[in-house]
């Protein structure tokens, strides 16, 4: 479902309708053919704000630190690493010195 489009004059004249339709889907406001604004339901706006906050680096770091603290309190976790396989160095010709 695509967003409805309104020019500024229509949006002003039919603001109640714009708001009513915004509860179902975003409403794009255009000025001289250029998109200038979007009217969203408060629910959609709050979801966007929540995503923005969760995406902030400080929030992600704080969540990670809380997780690691809880992990330590729970006794830690075991990480299984694959066995290391010997391989030749790309910086030598294969002879040991």
PDB file of N, CA and C in Angstrom:
ATOM      1  N   UNK A   1       0.850  -1.180   0.000  1.00  0.00           N
ATOM      2  CA  UNK A   1       0.000   0.000   0.000  1.00  0.00           C
ATOM      3  C   UNK A   1       0.893   1.239   0.000  1.00  0.00           C
ATOM      4  N   UNK A   2       0.772   2.102  -0.993  1.00  0.00           N
ATOM      5  CA  UNK A   2       1.600   3.290  -1.082  1.00  0.00           C
ATOM      6  C   UNK A   2       1.010   4.451  -0.300  1.00  0.00           C
ATOM      7  N   UNK A   3       1.855   5.376   0.049  1.00  0.00           N
ATOM      8  CA  UNK A   3       1.408   6.549   0.799  1.00  0.00           C
ATOM      9  C   UNK A   3       0.580   7.451  -0.098  1.00  0.00           C
ATOM     10  N   UNK A   4      -0.447   8.080   0.494  1.00  0.00           N
ATOM     11  CA  UNK A   4      -1.232   9.073  -0.240  1.00  0.00           C
ATOM     12  C   UNK A   4      -0.420  10.349  -0.336  1.00  0.00           C
ATOM     13  N   UNK A   5      -0.651  11.090  -1.406  1.00  0.00           N
ATOM     14  CA  UNK A   5       0.090  12.330  -1.639  1.00  0.00           C
ATOM     15  C   UNK A   5      -0.873  13.512  -1.675  1.00  0.00           C
ATOM     16  N   UNK A   6      -0.431  14.578  -1.065  1.00  0.00           N
ATOM     17  CA  UNK A   6      -1.224  15.809  -0.993  1.00  0.00           C
ATOM     18  C   UNK A   6      -0.328  16.982  -1.330  1.00  0.00           C
ATOM     19  N   UNK A   7      -0.871  17.966  -2.069  1.00  0.00           N
ATOM     20  CA  UNK A   7      -0.103  19.197  -2.184  1.00  0.00           C
ATOM     21  C   UNK A   7      -0.436  20.034  -0.942  1.00  0.00           C
ATOM     22  N   UNK A   8       0.354  21.033  -0.674  1.00  0.00           N
ATOM     23  CA  UNK A   8       0.207  21.805   0.557  1.00  0.00           C
ATOM     24  C   UNK A   8      -1.196  22.396   0.687  1.00  0.00           C
ATOM     25  N   UNK A   9      -1.723  22.958  -0.394  1.00  0.00           N
ATOM     26  CA  UNK A   9      -3.052  23.589  -0.340  1.00  0.00           C
ATOM     27  C   UNK A   9      -4.127  22.554   0.018  1.00  0.00           C
ATOM     28  N   UNK A  10      -4.068  21.369  -0.613  1.00  0.00           N
ATOM     29  CA  UNK A  10      -5.034  20.308  -0.299  1.00  0.00           C
ATOM     30  C   UNK A  10      -4.905  19.878   1.151  1.00  0.00           C
ATOM     31  N   UNK A  11      -3.673  19.687   1.608  1.00  0.00           N
ATOM     32  CA  UNK A  11      -3.441  19.229   2.980  1.00  0.00           C
ATOM     33  C   UNK A  11      -3.989  20.230   3.983  1.00  0.00           C
ATOM     34  N   UNK A  12      -3.816  21.520   3.698  1.00  0.00           N
ATOM     35  CA  UNK A  12      -4.344  22.547   4.602  1.00  0.00           C
ATOM     36  C   UNK A  12      -5.873  22.528   4.607  1.00  0.00           C
ATOM     37  N   UNK A  13      -6.446  22.407   3.421  1.00  0.00           N
ATOM     38  CA  UNK A  13      -7.909  22.446   3.315  1.00  0.00           C
ATOM     39  C   UNK A  13      -8.556  21.187   3.889  1.00  0.00           C
ATOM     40  N   UNK A  14      -7.856  20.068   3.852  1.00  0.00           N
ATOM     41  CA  UNK A  14      -8.430  18.794   4.286  1.00  0.00           C
ATOM     42  C   UNK A  14      -7.607  18.156   5.397  1.00  0.00           C
ATOM     43  N   UNK A  15      -7.159  18.971   6.338  1.00  0.00           N
ATOM     44  CA  UNK A  15      -6.294  18.484   7.398  1.00  0.00           C
ATOM     45  C   UNK A  15      -6.909  17.316   8.168  1.00  0.00           C
ATOM     46  N   UNK A  16      -8.193  17.384   8.469  1.00  0.00           N
ATOM     47  CA  UNK A  16      -8.842  16.289   9.199  1.00  0.00           C
ATOM     48  C   UNK A  16      -8.738  14.981   8.431  1.00  0.00           C
ATOM     49  N   UNK A  17      -8.918  15.043   7.109  1.00  0.00           N
ATOM     50  CA  UNK A  17      -8.824  13.838   6.284  1.00  0.00           C
ATOM     51  C   UNK A  17      -7.381  13.313   6.240  1.00  0.00           C
ATOM     52  N   UNK A  18      -6.427  14.241   6.133  1.00  0.00           N
ATOM     53  CA  UNK A  18      -5.009  13.849   6.135  1.00  0.00           C
ATOM     54  C   UNK A  18      -4.686  13.108   7.429  1.00  0.00           C
ATOM     55  N   UNK A  19      -5.135  13.664   8.561  1.00  0.00           N
ATOM     56  CA  UNK A  19      -4.866  13.036   9.858  1.00  0.00           C
ATOM     57  C   UNK A  19      -5.563  11.687   9.983  1.00  0.00           C
ATOM     58  N   UNK A  20      -6.780  11.610   9.489  1.00  0.00           N
ATOM     59  CA  UNK A  20      -7.522  10.351   9.548  1.00  0.00           C
ATOM     60  C   UNK A  20      -6.817   9.269   8.734  1.00  0.00           C
ATOM     61  N   UNK A  21      -6.386   9.612   7.535  1.00  0.00           N
ATOM     62  CA  UNK A  21      -5.700   8.638   6.683  1.00  0.00           C
ATOM     63  C   UNK A  21      -4.319   8.276   7.224  1.00  0.00           C
ATOM     64  N   UNK A  22      -3.693   9.209   7.944  1.00  0.00           N
ATOM     65  CA  UNK A  22      -2.372   8.946   8.525  1.00  0.00           C
ATOM     66  C   UNK A  22      -2.439   7.831   9.567  1.00  0.00           C
ATOM     67  N   UNK A  23      -3.615   7.610  10.143  1.00  0.00           N
ATOM     68  CA  UNK A  23      -3.736   6.524  11.116  1.00  0.00           C
ATOM     69  C   UNK A  23      -3.639   5.165  10.428  1.00  0.00           C
ATOM     70  N   UNK A  24      -3.834   5.144   9.103  1.00  0.00           N
ATOM     71  CA  UNK A  24      -3.761   3.889   8.342  1.00  0.00           C
ATOM     72  C   UNK A  24      -2.461   3.746   7.561  1.00  0.00           C
ATOM     73  N   UNK A  25      -1.952   4.859   7.034  1.00  0.00           N
ATOM     74  CA  UNK A  25      -0.705   4.835   6.265  1.00  0.00           C
ATOM     75  C   UNK A  25      -0.123   6.247   6.204  1.00  0.00           C
ATOM     76  N   UNK A  26       1.195   6.364   5.986  1.00  0.00           N
ATOM     77  CA  UNK A  26       1.817   7.693   5.925  1.00  0.00           C
ATOM     78  C   UNK A  26       1.200   8.552   4.815  1.00  0.00           C
ATOM     79  N   UNK A  27       1.152   9.847   5.069  1.00  0.00           N
ATOM     80  CA  UNK A  27       0.628  10.809   4.105  1.00  0.00           C
ATOM     81  C   UNK A  27       1.753  11.758   3.710  1.00  0.00           C
ATOM     82  N   UNK A  28       2.073  11.803   2.426  1.00  0.00           N
ATOM     83  CA  UNK A  28       3.174  12.629   1.933  1.00  0.00           C
ATOM     84  C   UNK A  28       2.626  13.984   1.502  1.00  0.00           C
ATOM     85  N   UNK A  29       3.275  15.038   1.970  1.00  0.00           N
ATOM     86  CA  UNK A  29       2.902  16.405   1.592  1.00  0.00           C
ATOM     87  C   UNK A  29       3.948  16.901   0.595  1.00  0.00           C
ATOM     88  N   UNK A  30       3.461  17.437  -0.525  1.00  0.00           N
ATOM     89  CA  UNK A  30       4.357  17.948  -1.563  1.00  0.00           C
ATOM     90  C   UNK A  30       4.156  19.442  -1.746  1.00  0.00           C
ATOM     91  N   UNK A  31       5.235  20.109  -2.106  1.00  0.00           N
ATOM     92  CA  UNK A  31       5.185  21.526  -2.423  1.00  0.00           C
ATOM     93  C   UNK A  31       5.849  21.707  -3.776  1.00  0.00           C
ATOM     94  N   UNK A  32       5.056  22.101  -4.750  1.00  0.00           N
ATOM     95  CA  UNK A  32       5.540  22.270  -6.130  1.00  0.00           C
ATOM     96  C   UNK A  32       6.193  20.991  -6.655  1.00  0.00           C
ATOM     97  N   UNK A  33       5.569  19.851  -6.345  1.00  0.00           N
ATOM     98  CA  UNK A  33       6.031  18.576  -6.854  1.00  0.00           C
ATOM     99  C   UNK A  33       7.163  17.928  -6.075  1.00  0.00           C
ATOM    100  N   UNK A  34       7.657  18.612  -5.052  1.00  0.00           N
ATOM    101  CA  UNK A  34       8.737  18.051  -4.223  1.00  0.00           C
ATOM    102  C   UNK A  34       8.185  17.597  -2.889  1.00  0.00           C
ATOM    103  N   UNK A  35       8.584  16.405  -2.453  1.00  0.00           N
ATOM    104  CA  UNK A  35       8.155  15.912  -1.145  1.00  0.00           C
ATOM    105  C   UNK A  35       8.800  16.768  -0.062  1.00  0.00           C
ATOM    106  N   UNK A  36       7.973  17.290   0.844  1.00  0.00           N
ATOM    107  CA  UNK A  36       8.510  18.158   1.894  1.00  0.00           C
ATOM    108  C   UNK A  36       8.206  17.658   3.307  1.00  0.00           C
ATOM    109  N   UNK A  37       7.210  16.779   3.454  1.00  0.00           N
ATOM    110  CA  UNK A  37       6.858  16.301   4.791  1.00  0.00           C
ATOM    111  C   UNK A  37       6.078  15.001   4.691  1.00  0.00           C
ATOM    112  N   UNK A  38       6.031  14.301   5.817  1.00  0.00           N
ATOM    113  CA  UNK A  38       5.241  13.082   5.930  1.00  0.00           C
ATOM    114  C   UNK A  38       4.452  13.164   7.223  1.00  0.00           C
ATOM    115  N   UNK A  39       3.170  12.864   7.160  1.00  0.00           N
ATOM    116  CA  UNK A  39       2.335  12.804   8.353  1.00  0.00           C
ATOM    117  C   UNK A  39       2.164  11.325   8.685  1.00  0.00           C
ATOM    118  N   UNK A  40       2.578  10.973   9.916  1.00  0.00           N
ATOM    119  CA  UNK A  40       2.518   9.582  10.378  1.00  0.00           C
ATOM    120  C   UNK A  40       1.563   9.466  11.557  1.00  0.00           C
ATOM    121  N   UNK A  41       1.077   8.243  11.763  1.00  0.00           N
ATOM    122  CA  UNK A  41       0.336   7.993  12.994  1.00  0.00           C
ATOM    123  C   UNK A  41       1.323   8.072  14.152  1.00  0.00           C
ATOM    124  N   UNK A  42       0.832   8.350  15.337  1.00  0.00           N
ATOM    125  CA  UNK A  42       1.717   8.432  16.495  1.00  0.00           C
ATOM    126  C   UNK A  42       2.373   7.073  16.748  1.00  0.00           C
ATOM    127  N   UNK A  43       1.666   6.000  16.476  1.00  0.00           N
ATOM    128  CA  UNK A  43       2.227   4.645  16.652  1.00  0.00           C
ATOM    129  C   UNK A  43       3.433   4.448  15.733  1.00  0.00           C
ATOM    130  N   UNK A  44       3.291   4.809  14.455  1.00  0.00           N
ATOM    131  CA  UNK A  44       4.411   4.684  13.511  1.00  0.00           C
ATOM    132  C   UNK A  44       5.586   5.562  13.932  1.00  0.00           C
ATOM    133  N   UNK A  45       5.283   6.779  14.395  1.00  0.00           N
ATOM    134  CA  UNK A  45       6.332   7.695  14.835  1.00  0.00           C
ATOM    135  C   UNK A  45       7.091   7.107  16.032  1.00  0.00           C
ATOM    136  N   UNK A  46       6.360   6.567  17.001  1.00  0.00           N
ATOM    137  CA  UNK A  46       6.998   5.994  18.183  1.00  0.00           C
ATOM    138  C   UNK A  46       7.867   4.791  17.814  1.00  0.00           C
ATOM    139  N   UNK A  47       7.416   3.980  16.855  1.00  0.00           N
ATOM    140  CA  UNK A  47       8.229   2.847  16.393  1.00  0.00           C
ATOM    141  C   UNK A  47       9.528   3.335  15.758  1.00  0.00           C
ATOM    142  N   UNK A  48       9.436   4.387  14.946  1.00  0.00           N
ATOM    143  CA  UNK A  48      10.647   4.943  14.329  1.00  0.00           C
ATOM    144  C   UNK A  48      11.601   5.490  15.382  1.00  0.00           C
ATOM    145  N   UNK A  49      11.070   6.196  16.358  1.00  0.00           N
ATOM    146  CA  UNK A  49      11.907   6.746  17.421  1.00  0.00           C
ATOM    147  C   UNK A  49      12.575   5.622  18.204  1.00  0.00           C
ATOM    148  N   UNK A  50      11.846   4.560  18.464  1.00  0.00           N
ATOM    149  CA  UNK A  50      12.394   3.418  19.189  1.00  0.00           C
ATOM    150  C   UNK A  50      13.541   2.785  18.399  1.00  0.00           C
ATOM    151  N   UNK A  51      13.349   2.620  17.103  1.00  0.00           N
ATOM    152  CA  UNK A  51      14.411   2.067  16.252  1.00  0.00           C
ATOM    153  C   UNK A  51      15.632   2.974  16.251  1.00  0.00           C
ATOM    154  N   UNK A  52      15.386   4.275  16.211  1.00  0.00           N
ATOM    155  CA  UNK A  52      16.485   5.243  16.184  1.00  0.00           C
ATOM    156  C   UNK A  52      17.286   5.161  17.477  1.00  0.00           C
ATOM    157  N   UNK A  53      16.596   5.081  18.605  1.00  0.00           N
ATOM    158  CA  UNK A  53      17.277   5.010  19.894  1.00  0.00           C
ATOM    159  C   UNK A  53      18.064   3.716  20.001  1.00  0.00           C
ATOM    160  N   UNK A  54      17.448   2.591  19.593  1.00  0.00           N
ATOM    161  CA  UNK A  54      18.130   1.306  19.684  1.00  0.00           C
ATOM    162  C   UNK A  54      19.330   1.242  18.755  1.00  0.00           C
ATOM    163  N   UNK A  55      19.306   2.008  17.673  1.00  0.00           N
ATOM    164  CA  UNK A  55      20.397   1.972  16.707  1.00  0.00           C
ATOM    165  C   UNK A  55      21.566   2.861  17.131  1.00  0.00           C
ATOM    166  N   UNK A  56      21.342   3.739  18.119  1.00  0.00           N
ATOM    167  CA  UNK A  56      22.400   4.652  18.556  1.00  0.00           C
ATOM    168  C   UNK A  56      23.563   3.848  19.131  1.00  0.00           C
ATOM    169  N   UNK A  57      24.802   4.173  18.759  1.00  0.00           N
ATOM    170  CA  UNK A  57      25.960   3.409  19.231  1.00  0.00           C
ATOM    171  C   UNK A  57      26.044   3.318  20.758  1.00  0.00           C
ATOM    172  N   UNK A  58      25.721   4.402  21.463  1.00  0.00           N
ATOM    173  CA  UNK A  58      25.814   4.377  22.921  1.00  0.00           C
ATOM    174  C   UNK A  58      24.827   3.380  23.509  1.00  0.00           C
ATOM    175  N   UNK A  59      23.643   3.295  22.913  1.00  0.00           N
ATOM    176  CA  UNK A  59      22.630   2.364  23.405  1.00  0.00           C
ATOM    177  C   UNK A  59      23.066   0.931  23.142  1.00  0.00           C
ATOM    178  N   UNK A  60      23.586   0.672  21.944  1.00  0.00           N
ATOM    179  CA  UNK A  60      24.050  -0.677  21.622  1.00  0.00           C
ATOM    180  C   UNK A  60      25.184  -1.097  22.560  1.00  0.00           C
ATOM    181  N   UNK A  61      26.109  -0.169  22.838  1.00  0.00           N
ATOM    182  CA  UNK A  61      27.215  -0.469  23.741  1.00  0.00           C
ATOM    183  C   UNK A  61      26.686  -0.760  25.144  1.00  0.00           C
ATOM    184  N   UNK A  62      25.766   0.054  25.635  1.00  0.00           N
ATOM    185  CA  UNK A  62      25.204  -0.166  26.973  1.00  0.00           C
ATOM    186  C   UNK A  62      24.494  -1.511  27.039  1.00  0.00           C
ATOM    187  N   UNK A  63      23.755  -1.882  25.997  1.00  0.00           N
ATOM    188  CA  UNK A  63      23.085  -3.183  25.973  1.00  0.00           C
ATOM    189  C   UNK A  63      24.105  -4.319  25.985  1.00  0.00           C
ATOM    190  N   UNK A  64      25.188  -4.165  25.223  1.00  0.00           N
ATOM    191  CA  UNK A  64      26.236  -5.175  25.188  1.00  0.00           C
ATOM    192  C   UNK A  64      26.876  -5.328  26.564  1.00  0.00           C
ATOM    193  N   UNK A  65      27.179  -4.207  27.211  1.00  0.00           N
ATOM    194  CA  UNK A  65      27.806  -4.268  28.529  1.00  0.00           C
ATOM    195  C   UNK A  65      26.883  -4.911  29.562  1.00  0.00           C
ATOM    196  N   UNK A  66      25.588  -4.606  29.504  1.00  0.00           N
ATOM    197  CA  UNK A  66      24.624  -5.255  30.411  1.00  0.00           C
ATOM    198  C   UNK A  66      24.596  -6.765  30.148  1.00  0.00           C
ATOM    199  N   UNK A  67      24.610  -7.137  28.889  1.00  0.00           N
ATOM    200  CA  UNK A  67      24.605  -8.556  28.527  1.00  0.00           C
ATOM    201  C   UNK A  67      25.841  -9.263  29.062  1.00  0.00           C
ATOM    202  N   UNK A  68      27.012  -8.660  28.865  1.00  0.00           N
ATOM    203  CA  UNK A  68      28.241  -9.311  29.341  1.00  0.00           C
ATOM    204  C   UNK A  68      28.275  -9.376  30.857  1.00  0.00           C
ATOM    205  N   UNK A  69      27.760  -8.369  31.536  1.00  0.00           N
ATOM    206  CA  UNK A  69      27.700  -8.401  32.994  1.00  0.00           C
ATOM    207  C   UNK A  69      26.806  -9.550  33.456  1.00  0.00           C
ATOM    208  N   UNK A  70      25.668  -9.717  32.818  1.00  0.00           N
ATOM    209  CA  UNK A  70      24.758 -10.806  33.169  1.00  0.00           C
ATOM    210  C   UNK A  70      25.410 -12.152  32.877  1.00  0.00           C
ATOM    211  N   UNK A  71      26.134 -12.231  31.780  1.00  0.00           N
ATOM    212  CA  UNK A  71      26.824 -13.458  31.419  1.00  0.00           C
ATOM    213  C   UNK A  71      27.854 -13.828  32.489  1.00  0.00           C
ATOM    214  N   UNK A  72      28.615 -12.831  32.965  1.00  0.00           N
ATOM    215  CA  UNK A  72      29.593 -13.083  34.041  1.00  0.00           C
ATOM    216  C   UNK A  72      28.893 -13.558  35.305  1.00  0.00           C
ATOM    217  N   UNK A  73      27.785 -12.908  35.674  1.00  0.00           N
ATOM    218  CA  UNK A  73      27.045 -13.289  36.874  1.00  0.00           C
ATOM    219  C   UNK A  73      26.509 -14.720  36.766  1.00  0.00           C
ATOM    220  N   UNK A  74      26.169 -15.129  35.550  1.00  0.00           N
ATOM    221  CA  UNK A  74      25.639 -16.477  35.325  1.00  0.00           C
ATOM    222  C   UNK A  74      26.745 -17.521  35.223  1.00  0.00           C
ATOM    223  N   UNK A  75      28.000 -17.110  35.389  1.00  0.00           N
ATOM    224  CA  UNK A  75      29.096 -18.066  35.348  1.00  0.00           C
ATOM    225  C   UNK A  75      29.834 -18.120  34.033  1.00  0.00           C
ATOM    226  N   UNK A  76      29.528 -17.230  33.137  1.00  0.00           N
ATOM    227  CA  UNK A  76      30.236 -17.187  31.869  1.00  0.00           C
ATOM    228  C   UNK A  76      29.651 -18.137  30.841  1.00  0.00           C
ATOM    229  N   UNK A  77      30.375 -18.279  29.772  1.00  0.00           N
ATOM    230  CA  UNK A  77      29.941 -19.153  28.682  1.00  0.00           C
ATOM    231  C   UNK A  77      31.180 -19.763  28.051  1.00  0.00           C
ATOM    232  N   UNK A  78      31.005 -20.923  27.488  1.00  0.00           N
ATOM    233  CA  UNK A  78      32.118 -21.585  26.826  1.00  0.00           C
ATOM    234  C   UNK A  78      31.997 -21.365  25.324  1.00  0.00           C
ATOM    235  N   UNK A  79      33.077 -20.942  24.744  1.00  0.00           N
ATOM    236  CA  UNK A  79      33.105 -20.733  23.299  1.00  0.00           C
ATOM    237  C   UNK A  79      33.982 -21.826  22.703  1.00  0.00           C
ATOM    238  N   UNK A  80      33.419 -22.603  21.838  1.00  0.00           N
ATOM    239  CA  UNK A  80      34.172 -23.687  21.199  1.00  0.00           C
ATOM    240  C   UNK A  80      34.844 -23.133  19.943  1.00  0.00           C
ATOM    241  N   UNK A  81      36.165 -23.195  19.958  1.00  0.00           N
ATOM    242  CA  UNK A  81      36.935 -22.732  18.804  1.00  0.00           C
ATOM    243  C   UNK A  81      37.417 -23.931  18.008  1.00  0.00           C
ATOM    244  N   UNK A  82      37.452 -23.813  16.698  1.00  0.00           N
ATOM    245  CA  UNK A  82      37.954 -24.929  15.889  1.00  0.00           C
ATOM    246  C   UNK A  82      39.453 -25.108  16.127  1.00  0.00           C
ATOM    247  N   UNK A  83      39.919 -26.338  15.957  1.00  0.00           N
ATOM    248  CA  UNK A  83      41.335 -26.640  16.121  1.00  0.00           C
ATOM    249  C   UNK A  83      42.133 -25.870  15.074  1.00  0.00           C
ATOM    250  N   UNK A  84      43.241 -25.287  15.524  1.00  0.00           N
ATOM    251  CA  UNK A  84      44.094 -24.554  14.578  1.00  0.00           C
ATOM    252  C   UNK A  84      44.828 -25.524  13.682  1.00  0.00           C
ATOM    253  N   UNK A  85      44.815 -25.236  12.440  1.00  0.00           N
ATOM    254  CA  UNK A  85      45.525 -26.041  11.452  1.00  0.00           C
ATOM    255  C   UNK A  85      46.780 -25.278  11.042  1.00  0.00           C
ATOM    256  N   UNK A  86      47.926 -25.979  10.965  1.00  0.00           N
ATOM    257  CA  UNK A  86      49.135 -25.281  10.518  1.00  0.00           C
ATOM    258  C   UNK A  86      48.995 -24.859   9.056  1.00  0.00           C
ATOM    259  N   UNK A  87      49.538 -23.740   8.757  1.00  0.00           N
ATOM    260  CA  UNK A  87      49.516 -23.265   7.374  1.00  0.00           C
ATOM    261  C   UNK A  87      50.788 -22.483   7.113  1.00  0.00           C
ATOM    262  N   UNK A  88      51.218 -22.435   5.884  1.00  0.00           N
ATOM    263  CA  UNK A  88      52.462 -21.723   5.568  1.00  0.00           C
ATOM    264  C   UNK A  88      52.282 -20.210   5.692  1.00  0.00           C
ATOM    265  N   UNK A  89      53.380 -19.567   6.046  1.00  0.00           N
ATOM    266  CA  UNK A  89      53.344 -18.116   6.154  1.00  0.00           C
ATOM    267  C   UNK A  89      53.423 -17.500   4.757  1.00  0.00           C
ATOM    268  N   UNK A  90      52.630 -16.500   4.490  1.00  0.00           N
ATOM    269  CA  UNK A  90      52.720 -15.839   3.189  1.00  0.00           C
ATOM    270  C   UNK A  90      53.966 -14.953   3.081  1.00  0.00           C
ATOM    271  N   UNK A  91      54.701 -14.794   4.221  1.00  0.00           N
ATOM    272  CA  UNK A  91      55.867 -13.908   4.248  1.00  0.00           C
ATOM    273  C   UNK A  91      57.195 -14.652   4.158  1.00  0.00           C
ATOM    274  N   UNK A  92      57.126 -15.952   4.022  1.00  0.00           N
ATOM    275  CA  UNK A  92      58.399 -16.681   3.929  1.00  0.00           C
ATOM    276  C   UNK A  92      58.357 -17.574   2.681  1.00  0.00           C
ATOM    277  N   UNK A  93      59.552 -18.030   2.312  1.00  0.00           N
ATOM    278  CA  UNK A  93      59.632 -18.923   1.155  1.00  0.00           C
ATOM    279  C   UNK A  93      59.507 -20.379   1.557  1.00  0.00           C
ATOM    280  N   UNK A  94      59.137 -20.620   2.802  1.00  0.00           N
ATOM    281  CA  UNK A  94      58.929 -21.979   3.267  1.00  0.00           C
ATOM    282  C   UNK A  94      60.108 -22.559   4.016  1.00  0.00           C
ATOM    283  N   UNK A  95      61.269 -21.898   3.954  1.00  0.00           N
ATOM    284  CA  UNK A  95      62.437 -22.389   4.670  1.00  0.00           C
ATOM    285  C   UNK A  95      62.506 -21.742   6.034  1.00  0.00           C
ATOM    286  N   UNK A  96      62.901 -22.508   7.038  1.00  0.00           N
ATOM    287  CA  UNK A  96      63.074 -21.969   8.390  1.00  0.00           C
ATOM    288  C   UNK A  96      64.457 -21.376   8.512  1.00  0.00           C
ATOM    289  N   UNK A  97      64.593 -20.341   9.258  1.00  0.00           N
ATOM    290  CA  UNK A  97      65.904 -19.697   9.475  1.00  0.00           C
ATOM    291  C   UNK A  97      66.262 -19.741  10.906  1.00  0.00           C
TER     292      UNK A  97
END
